[in-house]
């Protein structure tokens, strides 16, 4: 009898240990899940929602397969032309879906009204969701489902890519909370994603995103691309200095050269070709093509080596440049005025 009782006690003790261990593991899992939810990234995805997202993404990939250039298939680093991406956007947007395939300042979001309606509802605190499809430079699709639950906004991102066998596949799916967001009066959807932060990482991860939802006019977009999008506010001060044809001394001519070079030749400036400096004739001819400056003014105000007859140029880096909010801003033309003398005045925001 005593032996039986002892066996039963040992059995119960073992069972109790197993139950306590199981409960402890469950508690740790719940605590880990709670902590992850509070952090806002790599959130758990509902299996049914995950399946819907992947099926829809693959379906959309199947639709654009007919217009996807054959030469690009199977190449993970392929770059598709804007014309081909525009065709893909045409296909996906036929059923009214919101689609973006480039810089939203220059390429309007197809069926943008869908996203604007969603954001207006979210501003009013209404529970809502909406899809935005982005066609990347490789011809794949980034399916973004924005969800507002009445308090917080989330985005479920499903990424479709082309496999080596020329068939569409899913390379990843992520669910993240938006740390903050705003839909501005100018039509910009600005938000910051929850991301890994120190001490989990040693470098700061930028989770900021900007999408122009309400498009500029066609003329504004054209002038933005032609005159200001390649300049911006990093590495030069052309758009943020007080100057005119009577006061040219404030401009940073040396910093400006690479941006005007790209504007003229539609290719990046290669400093390897100018290790000893930029020849006087090349530098001045480009400057005078775009600015009302004389050769004498440029030599006076720019960094010029008179002995070598070259202008100096220096690459931006951590030793000579620290980005700030203004430097990372993006310019766009918001007003165009044609003057009686044939010139045009652009207002840049």
Protein backbone atom coordinates (compact mmCIF):
# COMPACT_ATOMS: atom_id res chain seq x y z
CA UNK A 1 0.00 0.00 0.00
CA UNK A 2 2.80 2.37 0.99
CA UNK A 3 4.68 1.50 -2.20
CA UNK A 4 1.59 2.29 -4.33
CA UNK A 5 1.08 5.57 -2.50
CA UNK A 6 4.74 6.51 -3.08
CA UNK A 7 4.47 5.75 -6.82
CA UNK A 8 1.33 7.87 -7.05
CA UNK A 9 3.06 10.78 -5.26
CA UNK A 10 6.05 10.56 -7.59
CA UNK A 11 3.71 10.47 -10.62
CA UNK A 12 1.77 13.50 -9.37
CA UNK A 13 5.02 15.36 -8.66
CA UNK A 14 6.31 14.69 -12.17
CA UNK A 15 2.99 15.76 -13.67
CA UNK A 16 3.07 18.97 -11.60
CA UNK A 17 6.61 19.73 -12.82
CA UNK A 18 5.55 19.16 -16.44
CA UNK A 19 2.47 21.39 -16.02
CA UNK A 20 4.51 24.14 -14.34
CA UNK A 21 7.11 23.95 -17.11
CA UNK A 22 4.44 24.08 -19.81
CA UNK A 23 2.71 27.00 -18.09
CA UNK A 24 6.05 28.79 -17.78
CA UNK A 25 6.75 28.37 -21.49
CA UNK A 26 3.28 29.64 -22.36
CA UNK A 27 3.78 32.66 -20.12
CA UNK A 28 7.15 33.42 -21.76
CA UNK A 29 5.58 33.10 -25.22
CA UNK A 30 2.75 35.45 -24.23
CA UNK A 31 5.21 37.92 -22.72
CA UNK A 32 7.37 37.75 -25.87
CA UNK A 33 4.33 38.28 -28.10
CA UNK A 34 3.17 41.22 -25.97
CA UNK A 35 6.63 42.78 -26.09
CA UNK A 36 6.76 42.36 -29.88
CA UNK A 37 3.31 43.95 -30.28
CA UNK A 38 4.47 46.89 -28.18
CA UNK A 39 7.55 47.28 -30.38
CA UNK A 40 5.30 47.32 -33.43
CA UNK A 41 7.40 45.41 -36.00
CA UNK A 42 7.45 41.75 -37.09
CA UNK A 43 3.90 41.47 -35.78
CA UNK A 44 2.08 38.11 -35.96
CA UNK A 45 -0.01 37.71 -39.12
CA UNK A 46 -3.39 36.04 -39.15
CA UNK A 47 -2.98 32.85 -41.28
CA UNK A 48 -6.12 33.57 -43.32
CA UNK A 49 -4.97 37.14 -43.99
CA UNK A 50 -1.51 35.90 -44.95
CA UNK A 51 -3.01 33.43 -47.42
CA UNK A 52 -5.25 36.13 -48.96
CA UNK A 53 -2.33 38.52 -49.34
CA UNK A 54 -0.06 35.96 -51.00
CA UNK A 55 -2.80 34.69 -53.34
CA UNK A 56 -3.71 38.23 -54.39
CA UNK A 57 -0.08 39.21 -54.92
CA UNK A 58 0.56 36.14 -57.07
CA UNK A 59 -2.63 36.82 -59.01
CA UNK A 60 -1.50 40.37 -59.79
CA UNK A 61 1.93 39.05 -60.79
CA UNK A 62 0.18 36.67 -63.17
CA UNK A 63 -1.73 39.56 -64.74
CA UNK A 64 1.41 41.57 -65.51
CA UNK A 65 3.30 38.51 -66.75
CA UNK A 66 1.98 39.17 -70.26
CA UNK A 67 3.56 42.63 -70.41
CA UNK A 68 6.70 41.79 -68.40
CA UNK A 69 9.71 41.94 -70.78
CA UNK A 70 11.01 38.45 -71.50
CA UNK A 71 14.64 39.59 -71.33
CA UNK A 72 14.18 40.53 -67.69
CA UNK A 73 12.69 37.26 -66.49
CA UNK A 74 14.67 35.19 -64.08
CA UNK A 75 17.13 38.00 -63.40
CA UNK A 76 16.78 39.12 -59.80
CA UNK A 77 18.70 42.33 -60.42
CA UNK A 78 16.95 43.22 -63.71
CA UNK A 79 15.86 46.85 -64.14
CA UNK A 80 12.63 47.36 -66.06
CA UNK A 81 12.02 50.50 -68.10
CA UNK A 82 9.48 53.07 -66.94
CA UNK A 83 7.45 52.36 -70.07
CA UNK A 84 7.12 48.68 -69.16
CA UNK A 85 6.27 49.51 -65.55
CA UNK A 86 3.61 51.91 -66.81
CA UNK A 87 2.07 49.07 -68.83
CA UNK A 88 2.03 46.89 -65.72
CA UNK A 89 0.35 49.68 -63.76
CA UNK A 90 -2.27 49.97 -66.51
CA UNK A 91 -3.10 46.27 -66.16
CA UNK A 92 -3.38 46.24 -62.36
CA UNK A 93 -5.32 49.51 -62.14
CA UNK A 94 -8.03 48.38 -64.57
CA UNK A 95 -10.18 47.06 -61.72
CA UNK A 96 -9.86 50.35 -59.81
CA UNK A 97 -6.86 49.42 -57.64
CA UNK A 98 -4.47 52.14 -56.46
CA UNK A 99 -1.09 51.60 -58.17
CA UNK A 100 2.27 53.40 -58.02
CA UNK A 101 5.32 52.63 -60.17
CA UNK A 102 7.77 55.49 -59.61
CA UNK A 103 8.50 58.74 -57.79
CA UNK A 104 5.04 59.84 -56.65
CA UNK A 105 5.88 63.50 -57.35
CA UNK A 106 6.45 62.71 -61.00
CA UNK A 107 4.24 59.65 -61.54
CA UNK A 108 0.70 59.96 -60.16
CA UNK A 109 -0.77 57.14 -58.10
CA UNK A 110 -3.29 55.45 -60.39
CA UNK A 111 -6.80 55.60 -58.83
CA UNK A 112 -5.38 57.76 -56.05
CA UNK A 113 -8.91 58.53 -54.87
CA UNK A 114 -9.01 55.10 -53.20
CA UNK A 115 -6.09 55.93 -50.93
CA UNK A 116 -7.26 59.48 -50.28
CA UNK A 117 -10.72 58.24 -49.25
CA UNK A 118 -9.11 55.72 -46.87
CA UNK A 119 -6.91 58.39 -45.27
CA UNK A 120 -9.82 60.78 -44.84
CA UNK A 121 -11.79 58.05 -43.07
CA UNK A 122 -8.81 57.27 -40.84
CA UNK A 123 -8.52 60.97 -39.97
CA UNK A 124 -12.13 60.84 -38.77
CA UNK A 125 -11.32 57.81 -36.63
CA UNK A 126 -13.27 55.31 -38.77
CA UNK A 127 -12.15 51.69 -38.98
CA UNK A 128 -11.02 51.09 -42.59
CA UNK A 129 -8.41 49.55 -44.87
CA UNK A 130 -7.09 49.98 -48.41
CA UNK A 131 -4.63 48.41 -50.82
CA UNK A 132 -1.76 50.11 -52.64
CA UNK A 133 0.27 48.16 -55.21
CA UNK A 134 3.81 49.33 -55.98
CA UNK A 135 5.68 48.07 -59.03
CA UNK A 136 9.41 48.06 -58.30
CA UNK A 137 12.28 48.60 -60.72
CA UNK A 138 12.68 44.85 -61.23
CA UNK A 139 9.05 44.37 -62.29
CA UNK A 140 7.93 42.76 -59.04
CA UNK A 141 4.96 43.85 -56.94
CA UNK A 142 4.91 45.21 -53.41
CA UNK A 143 1.35 44.76 -52.13
CA UNK A 144 0.72 47.12 -49.22
CA UNK A 145 -2.49 46.82 -47.21
CA UNK A 146 -3.02 49.74 -44.85
CA UNK A 147 -5.34 49.04 -41.92
CA UNK A 148 -6.72 51.57 -39.42
CA UNK A 149 -8.40 50.03 -36.38
CA UNK A 150 -9.82 53.25 -34.99
CA UNK A 151 -6.69 53.98 -32.96
CA UNK A 152 -3.56 52.77 -34.76
CA UNK A 153 -2.60 52.26 -38.38
CA UNK A 154 -0.79 49.15 -39.63
CA UNK A 155 0.59 48.00 -42.96
CA UNK A 156 0.78 44.42 -44.23
CA UNK A 157 3.47 44.22 -46.92
CA UNK A 158 3.62 41.25 -49.29
CA UNK A 159 6.45 41.21 -51.85
CA UNK A 160 6.11 39.39 -55.15
CA UNK A 161 9.19 38.65 -57.26
CA UNK A 162 10.16 36.69 -60.38
CA UNK A 163 11.86 33.36 -59.72
CA UNK A 164 14.63 31.85 -61.80
CA UNK A 165 12.07 29.65 -63.58
CA UNK A 166 10.33 32.81 -64.83
CA UNK A 167 7.34 32.22 -62.56
CA UNK A 168 6.09 34.60 -59.85
CA UNK A 169 6.88 33.89 -56.21
CA UNK A 170 6.61 35.50 -52.77
CA UNK A 171 9.88 36.69 -51.22
CA UNK A 172 8.49 37.99 -47.94
CA UNK A 173 5.49 39.20 -45.97
CA UNK A 174 5.60 41.61 -43.03
CA UNK A 175 3.12 43.25 -40.67
CA UNK A 176 4.13 46.52 -39.01
CA UNK A 177 2.51 49.32 -37.02
CA UNK A 178 2.93 52.92 -38.09
CA UNK A 179 4.60 54.83 -35.26
CA UNK A 180 3.03 58.04 -36.52
CA UNK A 181 1.29 59.22 -39.66
CA UNK A 182 -0.35 62.23 -41.26
CA UNK A 183 -2.17 63.11 -44.46
CA UNK A 184 -1.20 66.70 -45.21
CA UNK A 185 -3.28 69.44 -46.81
CA UNK A 186 -0.88 69.32 -49.76
CA UNK A 187 -1.79 65.67 -50.45
CA UNK A 188 1.23 63.88 -48.93
CA UNK A 189 0.87 60.66 -46.93
CA UNK A 190 3.74 60.87 -44.44
CA UNK A 191 4.44 58.11 -41.95
CA UNK A 192 7.10 56.43 -39.85
CA UNK A 193 7.20 52.67 -39.43
CA UNK A 194 8.09 50.97 -36.16
CA UNK A 195 11.60 49.58 -36.67
CA UNK A 196 14.45 48.02 -34.73
CA UNK A 197 15.98 50.53 -32.35
CA UNK A 198 19.10 50.59 -30.15
CA UNK A 199 20.24 48.60 -28.22
CA UNK A 200 18.90 45.90 -30.59
CA UNK A 201 20.86 47.52 -33.42
CA UNK A 202 23.93 49.73 -33.43
CA UNK A 203 22.86 51.92 -36.36
CA UNK A 204 19.69 53.99 -36.64
CA UNK A 205 17.14 52.55 -39.10
CA UNK A 206 15.04 55.12 -40.94
CA UNK A 207 11.40 54.05 -41.09
CA UNK A 208 10.14 57.27 -42.69
CA UNK A 209 8.04 57.14 -45.85
CA UNK A 210 6.58 59.80 -48.14
CA UNK A 211 3.95 59.20 -50.81
CA UNK A 212 2.25 61.97 -52.77
CA UNK A 213 -1.33 60.72 -53.01
CA UNK A 214 -3.09 63.70 -54.58
CA UNK A 215 -1.15 64.40 -57.80
CA UNK A 216 0.26 67.67 -59.03
CA UNK A 217 -0.92 68.91 -62.42
CA UNK A 218 0.77 67.45 -65.48
CA UNK A 219 2.57 70.75 -66.14
CA UNK A 220 3.77 70.98 -62.53
CA UNK A 221 5.10 67.42 -62.71
CA UNK A 222 6.88 68.14 -65.98
CA UNK A 223 8.59 71.25 -64.61
CA UNK A 224 9.45 69.48 -61.35
CA UNK A 225 11.25 66.74 -63.27
CA UNK A 226 12.91 69.08 -65.73
CA UNK A 227 14.07 71.84 -63.39
CA UNK A 228 14.27 70.87 -59.73
CA UNK A 229 13.98 67.15 -58.92
CA UNK A 230 17.65 66.51 -59.69
CA UNK A 231 18.84 69.45 -57.61
CA UNK A 232 17.08 69.18 -54.27
CA UNK A 233 18.83 70.41 -51.11
CA UNK A 234 21.82 68.10 -50.55
CA UNK A 235 25.28 69.04 -51.74
CA UNK A 236 24.29 72.40 -53.23
CA UNK A 237 22.43 75.55 -52.21
CA UNK A 238 20.85 76.68 -55.47
CA UNK A 239 17.25 76.32 -54.22
CA UNK A 240 17.84 77.64 -50.72
CA UNK A 241 19.95 80.78 -51.24
CA UNK A 242 18.93 84.37 -51.84
CA UNK A 243 20.50 85.19 -55.19
CA UNK A 244 19.76 86.77 -58.59
CA UNK A 245 21.75 87.86 -61.63
CA UNK A 246 23.07 90.83 -59.66
CA UNK A 247 24.11 88.80 -56.63
CA UNK A 248 25.81 85.55 -57.65
CA UNK A 249 28.31 85.31 -54.82
CA UNK A 250 26.17 83.16 -52.48
CA UNK A 251 26.07 80.07 -54.70
CA UNK A 252 28.16 76.97 -54.08
CA UNK A 253 29.35 76.46 -57.65
CA UNK A 254 31.71 73.57 -56.90
CA UNK A 255 28.99 71.61 -55.10
CA UNK A 256 26.46 72.37 -57.83
CA UNK A 257 28.52 71.01 -60.73
CA UNK A 258 27.65 67.30 -60.33
CA UNK A 259 23.89 68.04 -60.20
CA UNK A 260 23.90 70.23 -63.31
CA UNK A 261 26.08 67.60 -65.00
CA UNK A 262 23.45 64.92 -64.39
CA UNK A 263 20.67 67.28 -65.50
CA UNK A 264 22.42 67.96 -68.81
CA UNK A 265 23.83 64.52 -69.65
CA UNK A 266 21.24 62.30 -67.88
CA UNK A 267 23.98 60.30 -66.19
CA UNK A 268 25.86 60.47 -62.90
CA UNK A 269 29.00 62.56 -62.63
CA UNK A 270 32.04 60.24 -62.40
CA UNK A 271 34.70 61.79 -60.15
CA UNK A 272 37.24 59.16 -61.26
CA UNK A 273 37.53 61.07 -64.53
CA UNK A 274 38.43 64.28 -62.69
CA UNK A 275 40.86 63.24 -59.96
CA UNK A 276 43.02 66.32 -60.61
CA UNK A 277 40.05 68.67 -60.74
CA UNK A 278 37.44 69.73 -63.30
CA UNK A 279 38.96 71.50 -66.33
CA UNK A 280 38.15 75.22 -66.49
CA UNK A 281 36.38 75.03 -69.86
CA UNK A 282 34.14 72.09 -68.85
CA UNK A 283 33.19 73.66 -65.54
CA UNK A 284 32.45 77.17 -66.77
CA UNK A 285 30.57 76.14 -69.92
CA UNK A 286 28.17 74.01 -67.85
CA UNK A 287 27.65 76.72 -65.26
CA UNK A 288 27.00 79.43 -67.83
CA UNK A 289 24.53 77.18 -69.65
CA UNK A 290 22.29 77.08 -66.58
CA UNK A 291 23.18 80.26 -64.66
CA UNK A 292 23.45 83.97 -65.59
CA UNK A 293 27.10 84.00 -64.51
CA UNK A 294 30.22 85.08 -66.38
CA UNK A 295 33.56 83.29 -66.50
CA UNK A 296 35.06 86.00 -64.30
CA UNK A 297 32.31 85.64 -61.67
CA UNK A 298 32.65 81.87 -61.54
CA UNK A 299 36.43 82.10 -61.07
CA UNK A 300 35.93 84.68 -58.35
CA UNK A 301 33.24 82.88 -56.34
CA UNK A 302 34.13 79.21 -56.89
CA UNK A 303 37.19 77.29 -55.64
CA UNK A 304 39.51 77.65 -58.63
CA UNK A 305 43.15 76.61 -59.00
CA UNK A 306 44.51 79.28 -61.31
CA UNK A 307 47.85 77.55 -61.75
CA UNK A 308 46.36 74.20 -62.82
CA UNK A 309 43.33 75.84 -64.45
CA UNK A 310 40.92 73.45 -62.75
CA UNK A 311 37.98 73.72 -60.34
CA UNK A 312 37.94 71.55 -57.25
CA UNK A 313 35.28 69.01 -56.37
CA UNK A 314 34.80 66.93 -53.23
CA UNK A 315 32.54 63.96 -52.56
CA UNK A 316 30.09 64.35 -49.68
CA UNK A 317 30.76 62.04 -46.74
CA UNK A 318 30.71 61.72 -42.97
CA UNK A 319 33.79 63.94 -42.66
CA UNK A 320 32.32 66.95 -44.47
CA UNK A 321 28.53 66.62 -44.39
CA UNK A 322 25.83 65.80 -41.84
CA UNK A 323 22.32 65.41 -43.31
CA UNK A 324 19.51 67.35 -41.68
CA UNK A 325 15.75 67.48 -42.17
CA UNK A 326 15.92 70.32 -44.69
CA UNK A 327 18.66 68.64 -46.69
CA UNK A 328 16.55 65.50 -47.02
CA UNK A 329 13.47 67.38 -48.21
CA UNK A 330 12.14 66.92 -51.75
CA UNK A 331 11.35 69.90 -54.00
CA UNK A 332 8.30 70.20 -56.23
CA UNK A 333 6.92 72.95 -58.46
CA UNK A 334 3.55 74.13 -57.14
CA UNK A 335 2.99 77.20 -59.33
CA UNK A 336 4.04 78.30 -62.82
CA UNK A 337 3.88 81.88 -64.07
CA UNK A 338 4.68 82.86 -67.65
CA UNK A 339 6.19 86.35 -67.84
CA UNK A 340 5.79 88.90 -70.62
CA UNK A 341 9.51 88.76 -71.46
CA UNK A 342 9.26 85.05 -72.32
CA UNK A 343 10.72 83.77 -69.05
CA UNK A 344 8.89 81.50 -66.62
CA UNK A 345 8.76 81.89 -62.84
CA UNK A 346 8.46 78.67 -60.83
CA UNK A 347 7.37 78.51 -57.22
CA UNK A 348 9.13 75.57 -55.55
CA UNK A 349 7.87 74.01 -52.32
